[in-house]
Amino acid sequence: MVVIGDSRKMVEVSSESVQLVVTSPPYFNVKDYGIENIGSIDDFHEYLQNIQQVFDECYRVLENGRYMCVNICDIISGDRKYPIPANYVAMLQRSGFEYREDLIWRKPSGIGAKGGGGASKRFGVFVQHPFPMYYFPNNIFEHILVFRKGRFDYKKITFEDKQRAAIDLGEAKTRWSSDIWDMTPETKNQYSKDSHPAMFPEELPEALIRLYTYPGETVLDPFLGSGTTTKVAAQLDRRSIGYEVNPAYLGLIRRKSGIAPKDLKLINQRGGKK
């Protein structure tokens, strides 16, 4: 299900009906998402207050014992650096979540953070002025904050379901044995000439969906963007719910997900079902 609407009030989603939340909230005041949204708020505290509303809704709709994973990084806006991950940790705890992991998404050297503000070019200042007080490192990592709502009852999962979702240990040791994950960011939009400004790589939701859900369960992305989470969830035999405030991305979401229009349940908060 894709909802063209505001995830601060997810009235279309029943309480405790979702088994995983995977999302990357809009960056504060550095990206043009094509429409007025939370990311376009130019007051930092107001921005955080609005994100808090989404986190509270995610807590409501998430099933007890299940996980919420948030991809975010520090943001450089103007001449200031904003510690958004640190703020998010406190906000998610305020919503009721239990802090579990801080996974570091490390990007290849030379590929900068998508947080904007020249994050990938900061060391250039030091190259030009190799003196004390001119040091600014390039930012090549982001956080994947992992939180849980309550405790998970492992007895609820049948042996057959566990076998069906078993993960190859060789792959797990190679990709996920530590809390530093090496992934290459999405650099271009292959689905449309109209590029979304901040897409995360498909292997990010793919890993989290496989590690924290079973086939047939439901994944929510309250900031769907280009539809990456919807696409990957379908490929992994999971249901999905996505909220996107900008209707201009609907065509991109449809093309990217590969879901036929007749099989994609669409709800427009302003205009009902389509």
C-alpha atoms as a PDB file:
ATOM      1  CA  MET A   1       0.000   0.000   0.000  1.00  0.00           C
ATOM      2  CA  VAL A   2       1.272   3.470  -0.911  1.00  0.00           C
ATOM      3  CA  VAL A   3      -0.283   6.496   0.757  1.00  0.00           C
ATOM      4  CA  ILE A   4       0.168   9.895  -0.797  1.00  0.00           C
ATOM      5  CA  GLY A   5      -0.026  11.847   2.409  1.00  0.00           C
ATOM      6  CA  ASP A   6       1.488  12.900   5.711  1.00  0.00           C
ATOM      7  CA  SER A   7       3.058  10.267   7.980  1.00  0.00           C
ATOM      8  CA  ARG A   8       2.599  12.471  11.040  1.00  0.00           C
ATOM      9  CA  LYS A   9      -0.928  11.030  11.094  1.00  0.00           C
ATOM     10  CA  MET A  10      -0.979   7.509   9.668  1.00  0.00           C
ATOM     11  CA  VAL A  11      -4.717   7.002  10.103  1.00  0.00           C
ATOM     12  CA  GLU A  12      -4.693   4.335   7.367  1.00  0.00           C
ATOM     13  CA  VAL A  13      -2.526   2.005   9.509  1.00  0.00           C
ATOM     14  CA  SER A  14      -3.902   0.070  12.465  1.00  0.00           C
ATOM     15  CA  SER A  15      -2.054  -0.019  15.774  1.00  0.00           C
ATOM     16  CA  GLU A  16       0.534  -2.831  16.124  1.00  0.00           C
ATOM     17  CA  SER A  17      -0.026  -4.011  12.539  1.00  0.00           C
ATOM     18  CA  VAL A  18       3.535  -3.493  11.233  1.00  0.00           C
ATOM     19  CA  GLN A  19       6.524  -5.762  11.846  1.00  0.00           C
ATOM     20  CA  LEU A  20       9.375  -3.447  10.790  1.00  0.00           C
ATOM     21  CA  VAL A  21       9.942   0.252  10.103  1.00  0.00           C
ATOM     22  CA  VAL A  22      12.771   1.124   7.698  1.00  0.00           C
ATOM     23  CA  THR A  23      13.215   4.741   6.683  1.00  0.00           C
ATOM     24  CA  SER A  24      15.467   7.682   5.940  1.00  0.00           C
ATOM     25  CA  PRO A  25      13.783  10.907   7.100  1.00  0.00           C
ATOM     26  CA  PRO A  26      14.182  14.088   5.080  1.00  0.00           C
ATOM     27  CA  TYR A  27      17.398  15.948   5.769  1.00  0.00           C
ATOM     28  CA  PHE A  28      17.154  19.254   7.581  1.00  0.00           C
ATOM     29  CA  ASN A  29      17.201  22.272   5.292  1.00  0.00           C
ATOM     30  CA  VAL A  30      19.683  20.998   2.655  1.00  0.00           C
ATOM     31  CA  LYS A  31      17.661  19.056   0.050  1.00  0.00           C
ATOM     32  CA  ASP A  32      15.004  20.187  -2.388  1.00  0.00           C
ATOM     33  CA  TYR A  33      12.317  17.480  -2.321  1.00  0.00           C
ATOM     34  CA  GLY A  34      10.130  19.304  -4.812  1.00  0.00           C
ATOM     35  CA  ILE A  35       7.366  20.183  -2.344  1.00  0.00           C
ATOM     36  CA  GLU A  36       7.011  21.753   1.077  1.00  0.00           C
ATOM     37  CA  ASN A  37       7.693  19.048   3.670  1.00  0.00           C
ATOM     38  CA  ILE A  38       9.362  18.444   7.025  1.00  0.00           C
ATOM     39  CA  GLY A  39      12.813  18.733   5.440  1.00  0.00           C
ATOM     40  CA  SER A  40      12.074  22.230   4.170  1.00  0.00           C
ATOM     41  CA  ILE A  41      11.432  23.579   7.677  1.00  0.00           C
ATOM     42  CA  ASP A  42      14.220  26.088   8.331  1.00  0.00           C
ATOM     43  CA  ASP A  43      14.021  26.084  12.143  1.00  0.00           C
ATOM     44  CA  PHE A  44      15.951  23.133  13.565  1.00  0.00           C
ATOM     45  CA  HIS A  45      13.848  22.656  16.688  1.00  0.00           C
ATOM     46  CA  GLU A  46      10.613  22.836  14.696  1.00  0.00           C
ATOM     47  CA  TYR A  47      12.051  20.266  12.296  1.00  0.00           C
ATOM     48  CA  LEU A  48      12.793  17.921  15.208  1.00  0.00           C
ATOM     49  CA  GLN A  49       9.320  18.420  16.682  1.00  0.00           C
ATOM     50  CA  ASN A  50       7.715  17.365  13.413  1.00  0.00           C
ATOM     51  CA  ILE A  51       9.961  14.297  13.070  1.00  0.00           C
ATOM     52  CA  GLN A  52       8.973  13.402  16.640  1.00  0.00           C
ATOM     53  CA  GLN A  53       5.348  13.190  15.555  1.00  0.00           C
ATOM     54  CA  VAL A  54       6.289  10.619  12.909  1.00  0.00           C
ATOM     55  CA  PHE A  55       8.317   8.588  15.423  1.00  0.00           C
ATOM     56  CA  ASP A  56       5.344   8.567  17.812  1.00  0.00           C
ATOM     57  CA  GLU A  57       3.101   7.251  15.028  1.00  0.00           C
ATOM     58  CA  CYS A  58       5.658   4.576  14.128  1.00  0.00           C
ATOM     59  CA  TYR A  59       5.650   3.399  17.727  1.00  0.00           C
ATOM     60  CA  ARG A  60       1.861   3.129  17.642  1.00  0.00           C
ATOM     61  CA  VAL A  61       1.648   1.076  14.464  1.00  0.00           C
ATOM     62  CA  LEU A  62       4.641  -1.192  15.215  1.00  0.00           C
ATOM     63  CA  GLU A  63       3.932  -4.589  16.713  1.00  0.00           C
ATOM     64  CA  ASN A  64       5.346  -5.226  20.158  1.00  0.00           C
ATOM     65  CA  GLY A  65       8.841  -6.698  20.093  1.00  0.00           C
ATOM     66  CA  ARG A  66       9.610  -5.414  16.613  1.00  0.00           C
ATOM     67  CA  TYR A  67      12.248  -3.060  15.237  1.00  0.00           C
ATOM     68  CA  MET A  68      12.529   0.433  13.794  1.00  0.00           C
ATOM     69  CA  CYS A  69      15.612   1.298  11.710  1.00  0.00           C
ATOM     70  CA  VAL A  70      16.404   4.911  10.830  1.00  0.00           C
ATOM     71  CA  ASN A  71      19.099   5.938   8.336  1.00  0.00           C
ATOM     72  CA  ILE A  72      20.422   9.439   9.052  1.00  0.00           C
ATOM     73  CA  CYS A  73      23.630  11.462   9.318  1.00  0.00           C
ATOM     74  CA  ASP A  74      24.922  14.772  10.618  1.00  0.00           C
ATOM     75  CA  ILE A  75      23.874  17.654   8.409  1.00  0.00           C
ATOM     76  CA  ILE A  76      25.933  20.646   7.326  1.00  0.00           C
ATOM     77  CA  SER A  77      23.655  23.586   6.599  1.00  0.00           C
ATOM     78  CA  GLY A  78      25.243  26.935   5.973  1.00  0.00           C
ATOM     79  CA  ASP A  79      28.279  27.106   8.248  1.00  0.00           C
ATOM     80  CA  ARG A  80      26.814  24.868  10.965  1.00  0.00           C
ATOM     81  CA  LYS A  81      26.900  21.131  11.556  1.00  0.00           C
ATOM     82  CA  TYR A  82      23.788  19.618  13.150  1.00  0.00           C
ATOM     83  CA  PRO A  83      24.103  16.390  15.217  1.00  0.00           C
ATOM     84  CA  ILE A  84      20.846  14.894  13.993  1.00  0.00           C
ATOM     85  CA  PRO A  85      21.608  11.241  14.914  1.00  0.00           C
ATOM     86  CA  ALA A  86      22.232  12.254  18.523  1.00  0.00           C
ATOM     87  CA  ASN A  87      18.919  14.096  18.599  1.00  0.00           C
ATOM     88  CA  TYR A  88      17.120  11.171  16.970  1.00  0.00           C
ATOM     89  CA  VAL A  89      18.333   8.754  19.652  1.00  0.00           C
ATOM     90  CA  ALA A  90      16.746  10.847  22.388  1.00  0.00           C
ATOM     91  CA  MET A  91      13.582  11.361  20.325  1.00  0.00           C
ATOM     92  CA  LEU A  92      13.086   7.667  19.593  1.00  0.00           C
ATOM     93  CA  GLN A  93      13.547   6.879  23.272  1.00  0.00           C
ATOM     94  CA  ARG A  94      10.998   9.568  24.062  1.00  0.00           C
ATOM     95  CA  SER A  95       8.540   7.787  21.769  1.00  0.00           C
ATOM     96  CA  GLY A  96       9.019   4.621  23.846  1.00  0.00           C
ATOM     97  CA  PHE A  97      11.599   2.685  21.811  1.00  0.00           C
ATOM     98  CA  GLU A  98      14.556   0.831  23.316  1.00  0.00           C
ATOM     99  CA  TYR A  99      17.966   1.658  21.829  1.00  0.00           C
ATOM    100  CA  ARG A 100      19.597  -1.462  20.360  1.00  0.00           C
ATOM    101  CA  GLU A 101      22.275  -0.698  17.736  1.00  0.00           C
ATOM    102  CA  ASP A 102      24.086   2.104  15.958  1.00  0.00           C
ATOM    103  CA  LEU A 103      25.170   0.610  12.638  1.00  0.00           C
ATOM    104  CA  ILE A 104      27.642   2.663  10.641  1.00  0.00           C
ATOM    105  CA  TRP A 105      27.124   2.772   6.888  1.00  0.00           C
ATOM    106  CA  ARG A 106      30.601   3.457   5.507  1.00  0.00           C
ATOM    107  CA  LYS A 107      30.882   4.676   1.936  1.00  0.00           C
ATOM    108  CA  PRO A 108      33.864   4.228  -0.373  1.00  0.00           C
ATOM    109  CA  SER A 109      36.478   6.965  -0.113  1.00  0.00           C
ATOM    110  CA  GLY A 110      35.786   9.744  -2.547  1.00  0.00           C
ATOM    111  CA  ILE A 111      31.999   9.324  -2.388  1.00  0.00           C
ATOM    112  CA  GLY A 112      30.558  11.899  -0.057  1.00  0.00           C
ATOM    113  CA  ALA A 113      27.649  11.823   2.317  1.00  0.00           C
ATOM    114  CA  LYS A 114      24.281  12.691   0.866  1.00  0.00           C
ATOM    115  CA  GLY A 115      23.738  15.153   3.669  1.00  0.00           C
ATOM    116  CA  GLY A 116      24.719  18.084   1.497  1.00  0.00           C
ATOM    117  CA  GLY A 117      26.649  21.162   2.443  1.00  0.00           C
ATOM    118  CA  GLY A 118      29.852  20.034   0.725  1.00  0.00           C
ATOM    119  CA  ALA A 119      30.300  17.063   3.073  1.00  0.00           C
ATOM    120  CA  SER A 120      32.451  15.193   0.549  1.00  0.00           C
ATOM    121  CA  LYS A 121      34.740  18.178  -0.123  1.00  0.00           C
ATOM    122  CA  ARG A 122      35.578  19.401   3.385  1.00  0.00           C
ATOM    123  CA  PHE A 123      39.155  18.064   3.340  1.00  0.00           C
ATOM    124  CA  GLY A 124      39.802  20.280   0.323  1.00  0.00           C
ATOM    125  CA  VAL A 125      40.055  23.225   2.709  1.00  0.00           C
ATOM    126  CA  PHE A 126      42.993  21.550   4.450  1.00  0.00           C
ATOM    127  CA  VAL A 127      44.603  20.689   1.096  1.00  0.00           C
ATOM    128  CA  GLN A 128      44.585  24.380   0.256  1.00  0.00           C
ATOM    129  CA  HIS A 129      45.646  25.451   3.759  1.00  0.00           C
ATOM    130  CA  PRO A 130      47.679  22.641   5.440  1.00  0.00           C
ATOM    131  CA  PHE A 131      47.943  24.403   8.768  1.00  0.00           C
ATOM    132  CA  PRO A 132      46.435  23.897  12.232  1.00  0.00           C
ATOM    133  CA  MET A 133      42.808  24.997  12.603  1.00  0.00           C
ATOM    134  CA  TYR A 134      42.028  24.309   8.920  1.00  0.00           C
ATOM    135  CA  TYR A 135      41.249  20.602   9.328  1.00  0.00           C
ATOM    136  CA  PHE A 136      37.792  19.434   8.239  1.00  0.00           C
ATOM    137  CA  PRO A 137      37.449  15.719   7.323  1.00  0.00           C
ATOM    138  CA  ASN A 138      35.246  14.445   4.522  1.00  0.00           C
ATOM    139  CA  ASN A 139      32.074  12.812   5.824  1.00  0.00           C
ATOM    140  CA  ILE A 140      31.793   9.304   4.348  1.00  0.00           C
ATOM    141  CA  PHE A 141      29.517   7.536   6.815  1.00  0.00           C
ATOM    142  CA  GLU A 142      25.930   7.573   7.987  1.00  0.00           C
ATOM    143  CA  HIS A 143      24.114   6.004  10.906  1.00  0.00           C
ATOM    144  CA  ILE A 144      21.484   3.288  10.853  1.00  0.00           C
ATOM    145  CA  LEU A 145      19.870   3.658  14.259  1.00  0.00           C
ATOM    146  CA  VAL A 146      18.162   0.443  15.379  1.00  0.00           C
ATOM    147  CA  PHE A 147      15.459   0.534  18.055  1.00  0.00           C
ATOM    148  CA  ARG A 148      13.001  -2.033  19.400  1.00  0.00           C
ATOM    149  CA  LYS A 149       9.515  -1.712  20.827  1.00  0.00           C
ATOM    150  CA  GLY A 150       9.307  -3.964  23.877  1.00  0.00           C
ATOM    151  CA  ARG A 151      10.499  -7.575  23.858  1.00  0.00           C
ATOM    152  CA  PHE A 152      10.104 -10.080  21.049  1.00  0.00           C
ATOM    153  CA  ASP A 153       8.390 -13.418  21.746  1.00  0.00           C
ATOM    154  CA  TYR A 154      10.490 -15.934  19.814  1.00  0.00           C
ATOM    155  CA  LYS A 155       7.962 -18.692  20.542  1.00  0.00           C
ATOM    156  CA  LYS A 156       5.496 -17.019  18.172  1.00  0.00           C
ATOM    157  CA  ILE A 157       7.605 -18.016  15.147  1.00  0.00           C
ATOM    158  CA  THR A 158       7.142 -21.568  13.896  1.00  0.00           C
ATOM    159  CA  PHE A 159      10.048 -23.840  13.010  1.00  0.00           C
ATOM    160  CA  GLU A 160       8.901 -23.822   9.388  1.00  0.00           C
ATOM    161  CA  ASP A 161       8.932 -20.021   9.240  1.00  0.00           C
ATOM    162  CA  LYS A 162      12.415 -19.930  10.738  1.00  0.00           C
ATOM    163  CA  GLN A 163      13.694 -22.412   8.183  1.00  0.00           C
ATOM    164  CA  ARG A 164      12.101 -20.455   5.353  1.00  0.00           C
ATOM    165  CA  ALA A 165      13.795 -17.222   6.447  1.00  0.00           C
ATOM    166  CA  ALA A 166      17.176 -18.699   7.412  1.00  0.00           C
ATOM    167  CA  ILE A 167      20.154 -16.547   6.403  1.00  0.00           C
ATOM    168  CA  ASP A 168      23.321 -17.984   4.911  1.00  0.00           C
ATOM    169  CA  LEU A 169      26.033 -17.689   7.574  1.00  0.00           C
ATOM    170  CA  GLY A 170      28.781 -17.159   5.025  1.00  0.00           C
ATOM    171  CA  GLU A 171      26.971 -14.143   3.653  1.00  0.00           C
ATOM    172  CA  ALA A 172      26.210 -12.824   7.139  1.00  0.00           C
ATOM    173  CA  LYS A 173      29.865 -13.053   8.190  1.00  0.00           C
ATOM    174  CA  THR A 174      30.932 -11.177   5.074  1.00  0.00           C
ATOM    175  CA  ARG A 175      28.332  -8.414   5.204  1.00  0.00           C
ATOM    176  CA  TRP A 176      27.064  -7.985   8.759  1.00  0.00           C
ATOM    177  CA  SER A 177      29.461  -9.453  11.327  1.00  0.00           C
ATOM    178  CA  SER A 178      30.272  -6.007  12.755  1.00  0.00           C
ATOM    179  CA  ASP A 179      28.446  -2.745  13.235  1.00  0.00           C
ATOM    180  CA  ILE A 180      30.228  -1.193  10.246  1.00  0.00           C
ATOM    181  CA  TRP A 181      28.567  -1.952   6.916  1.00  0.00           C
ATOM    182  CA  ASP A 182      30.301  -1.062   3.658  1.00  0.00           C
ATOM    183  CA  MET A 183      27.796   0.055   1.030  1.00  0.00           C
ATOM    184  CA  THR A 184      27.978   2.240  -2.069  1.00  0.00           C
ATOM    185  CA  PRO A 185      25.343   4.996  -2.150  1.00  0.00           C
ATOM    186  CA  GLU A 186      22.869   5.360  -4.973  1.00  0.00           C
ATOM    187  CA  THR A 187      24.438   7.837  -7.386  1.00  0.00           C
ATOM    188  CA  LYS A 188      21.850   8.087 -10.156  1.00  0.00           C
ATOM    189  CA  ASN A 189      18.225   7.360 -10.761  1.00  0.00           C
ATOM    190  CA  GLN A 190      17.918   4.594 -13.335  1.00  0.00           C
ATOM    191  CA  TYR A 191      14.124   4.567 -13.261  1.00  0.00           C
ATOM    192  CA  SER A 192      13.344   8.103 -14.378  1.00  0.00           C
ATOM    193  CA  LYS A 193      15.006  11.239 -15.609  1.00  0.00           C
ATOM    194  CA  ASP A 194      13.361  12.936 -12.644  1.00  0.00           C
ATOM    195  CA  SER A 195      15.819  12.111  -9.896  1.00  0.00           C
ATOM    196  CA  HIS A 196      14.908  11.867  -6.230  1.00  0.00           C
ATOM    197  CA  PRO A 197      17.522  13.865  -4.266  1.00  0.00           C
ATOM    198  CA  ALA A 198      18.275  11.321  -1.514  1.00  0.00           C
ATOM    199  CA  MET A 199      17.851   7.640  -2.334  1.00  0.00           C
ATOM    200  CA  PHE A 200      19.458   5.018  -0.143  1.00  0.00           C
ATOM    201  CA  PRO A 201      20.970   1.912  -1.805  1.00  0.00           C
ATOM    202  CA  GLU A 202      18.716  -1.112  -2.184  1.00  0.00           C
ATOM    203  CA  GLU A 203      21.067  -3.274  -0.127  1.00  0.00           C
ATOM    204  CA  LEU A 204      20.293  -1.170   2.955  1.00  0.00           C
ATOM    205  CA  PRO A 205      16.576  -2.062   3.276  1.00  0.00           C
ATOM    206  CA  GLU A 206      17.337  -5.519   1.854  1.00  0.00           C
ATOM    207  CA  ALA A 207      19.671  -6.282   4.764  1.00  0.00           C
ATOM    208  CA  LEU A 208      17.339  -4.873   7.433  1.00  0.00           C
ATOM    209  CA  ILE A 209      14.244  -6.600   6.042  1.00  0.00           C
ATOM    210  CA  ARG A 210      16.017  -9.967   5.935  1.00  0.00           C
ATOM    211  CA  LEU A 211      17.531  -9.547   9.406  1.00  0.00           C
ATOM    212  CA  TYR A 212      14.397  -8.341  11.196  1.00  0.00           C
ATOM    213  CA  THR A 213      11.343  -9.852   9.448  1.00  0.00           C
ATOM    214  CA  TYR A 214       9.895 -13.098   8.133  1.00  0.00           C
ATOM    215  CA  PRO A 215       8.240 -13.632   4.724  1.00  0.00           C
ATOM    216  CA  GLY A 216       4.680 -12.366   4.591  1.00  0.00           C
ATOM    217  CA  GLU A 217       5.204  -9.703   7.253  1.00  0.00           C
ATOM    218  CA  THR A 218       4.716  -5.965   6.739  1.00  0.00           C
ATOM    219  CA  VAL A 219       7.399  -3.290   6.388  1.00  0.00           C
ATOM    220  CA  LEU A 220       6.598   0.418   6.782  1.00  0.00           C
ATOM    221  CA  ASP A 221       8.536   3.336   5.313  1.00  0.00           C
ATOM    222  CA  PRO A 222       6.983   6.630   6.514  1.00  0.00           C
ATOM    223  CA  PHE A 223       9.217   8.604   4.111  1.00  0.00           C
ATOM    224  CA  LEU A 224       8.991   6.455   0.991  1.00  0.00           C
ATOM    225  CA  GLY A 225      10.626   8.836  -1.495  1.00  0.00           C
ATOM    226  CA  SER A 226      11.473   6.972  -4.708  1.00  0.00           C
ATOM    227  CA  GLY A 227      10.001   3.681  -3.447  1.00  0.00           C
ATOM    228  CA  THR A 228      13.162   1.703  -2.679  1.00  0.00           C
ATOM    229  CA  THR A 229      11.686   0.045   0.422  1.00  0.00           C
ATOM    230  CA  THR A 230       8.515  -0.944  -1.457  1.00  0.00           C
ATOM    231  CA  LYS A 231      10.551  -2.500  -4.266  1.00  0.00           C
ATOM    232  CA  VAL A 232      12.841  -4.499  -1.976  1.00  0.00           C
ATOM    233  CA  ALA A 233      10.004  -5.660   0.286  1.00  0.00           C
ATOM    234  CA  ALA A 234       8.143  -7.084  -2.716  1.00  0.00           C
ATOM    235  CA  GLN A 235      11.280  -8.869  -3.928  1.00  0.00           C
ATOM    236  CA  LEU A 236      11.659 -10.473  -0.481  1.00  0.00           C
ATOM    237  CA  ASP A 237       8.015 -11.610  -0.262  1.00  0.00           C
ATOM    238  CA  ARG A 238       7.057  -9.018   2.346  1.00  0.00           C
ATOM    239  CA  ARG A 239       4.097  -6.681   2.293  1.00  0.00           C
ATOM    240  CA  SER A 240       4.781  -2.973   2.552  1.00  0.00           C
ATOM    241  CA  ILE A 241       3.245   0.348   3.454  1.00  0.00           C
ATOM    242  CA  GLY A 242       4.810   3.580   2.296  1.00  0.00           C
ATOM    243  CA  TYR A 243       3.957   7.223   2.905  1.00  0.00           C
ATOM    244  CA  GLU A 244       5.111   9.911   0.479  1.00  0.00           C
ATOM    245  CA  VAL A 245       3.945  13.494   0.703  1.00  0.00           C
ATOM    246  CA  ASN A 246       4.928  14.448  -2.853  1.00  0.00           C
ATOM    247  CA  PRO A 247       2.498  13.017  -5.466  1.00  0.00           C
ATOM    248  CA  ALA A 248       5.057  13.762  -8.185  1.00  0.00           C
ATOM    249  CA  TYR A 249       7.012  10.676  -7.090  1.00  0.00           C
ATOM    250  CA  LEU A 250       4.078   8.284  -7.580  1.00  0.00           C
ATOM    251  CA  GLY A 251       5.016   7.415 -11.166  1.00  0.00           C
ATOM    252  CA  LEU A 252       8.605   6.774 -10.092  1.00  0.00           C
ATOM    253  CA  ILE A 253       7.444   4.584  -7.199  1.00  0.00           C
ATOM    254  CA  ARG A 254       5.289   2.529  -9.583  1.00  0.00           C
ATOM    255  CA  ARG A 255       8.084   2.061 -12.127  1.00  0.00           C
ATOM    256  CA  LYS A 256      10.739   1.340  -9.552  1.00  0.00           C
ATOM    257  CA  SER A 257       8.715  -1.125  -7.487  1.00  0.00           C
ATOM    258  CA  GLY A 258       7.756  -3.195 -10.515  1.00  0.00           C
ATOM    259  CA  ILE A 259       4.320  -3.670  -8.968  1.00  0.00           C
ATOM    260  CA  ALA A 260       1.518  -3.561 -11.537  1.00  0.00           C
ATOM    261  CA  PRO A 261      -0.889  -0.649 -11.012  1.00  0.00           C
ATOM    262  CA  LYS A 262      -3.754  -3.105 -10.409  1.00  0.00           C
ATOM    263  CA  ASP A 263      -1.767  -4.733  -7.573  1.00  0.00           C
ATOM    264  CA  LEU A 264      -0.555  -1.500  -5.986  1.00  0.00           C
ATOM    265  CA  LYS A 265      -3.087  -0.228  -3.474  1.00  0.00           C
ATOM    266  CA  LEU A 266      -2.916   3.550  -3.546  1.00  0.00           C
ATOM    267  CA  ILE A 267      -4.541   5.885  -1.071  1.00  0.00           C
ATOM    268  CA  ASN A 268      -4.495   9.639  -1.451  1.00  0.00           C
ATOM    269  CA  GLN A 269      -5.224  11.299   1.864  1.00  0.00           C
ATOM    270  CA  ARG A 270      -6.809  14.166   0.003  1.00  0.00           C
ATOM    271  CA  GLY A 271      -8.757  12.132  -2.533  1.00  0.00           C
ATOM    272  CA  GLY A 272      -9.434   8.613  -1.204  1.00  0.00           C
ATOM    273  CA  LYS A 273      -8.477   5.301  -2.811  1.00  0.00           C
ATOM    274  CA  LYS A 274      -7.292   4.871  -6.409  1.00  0.00           C
END
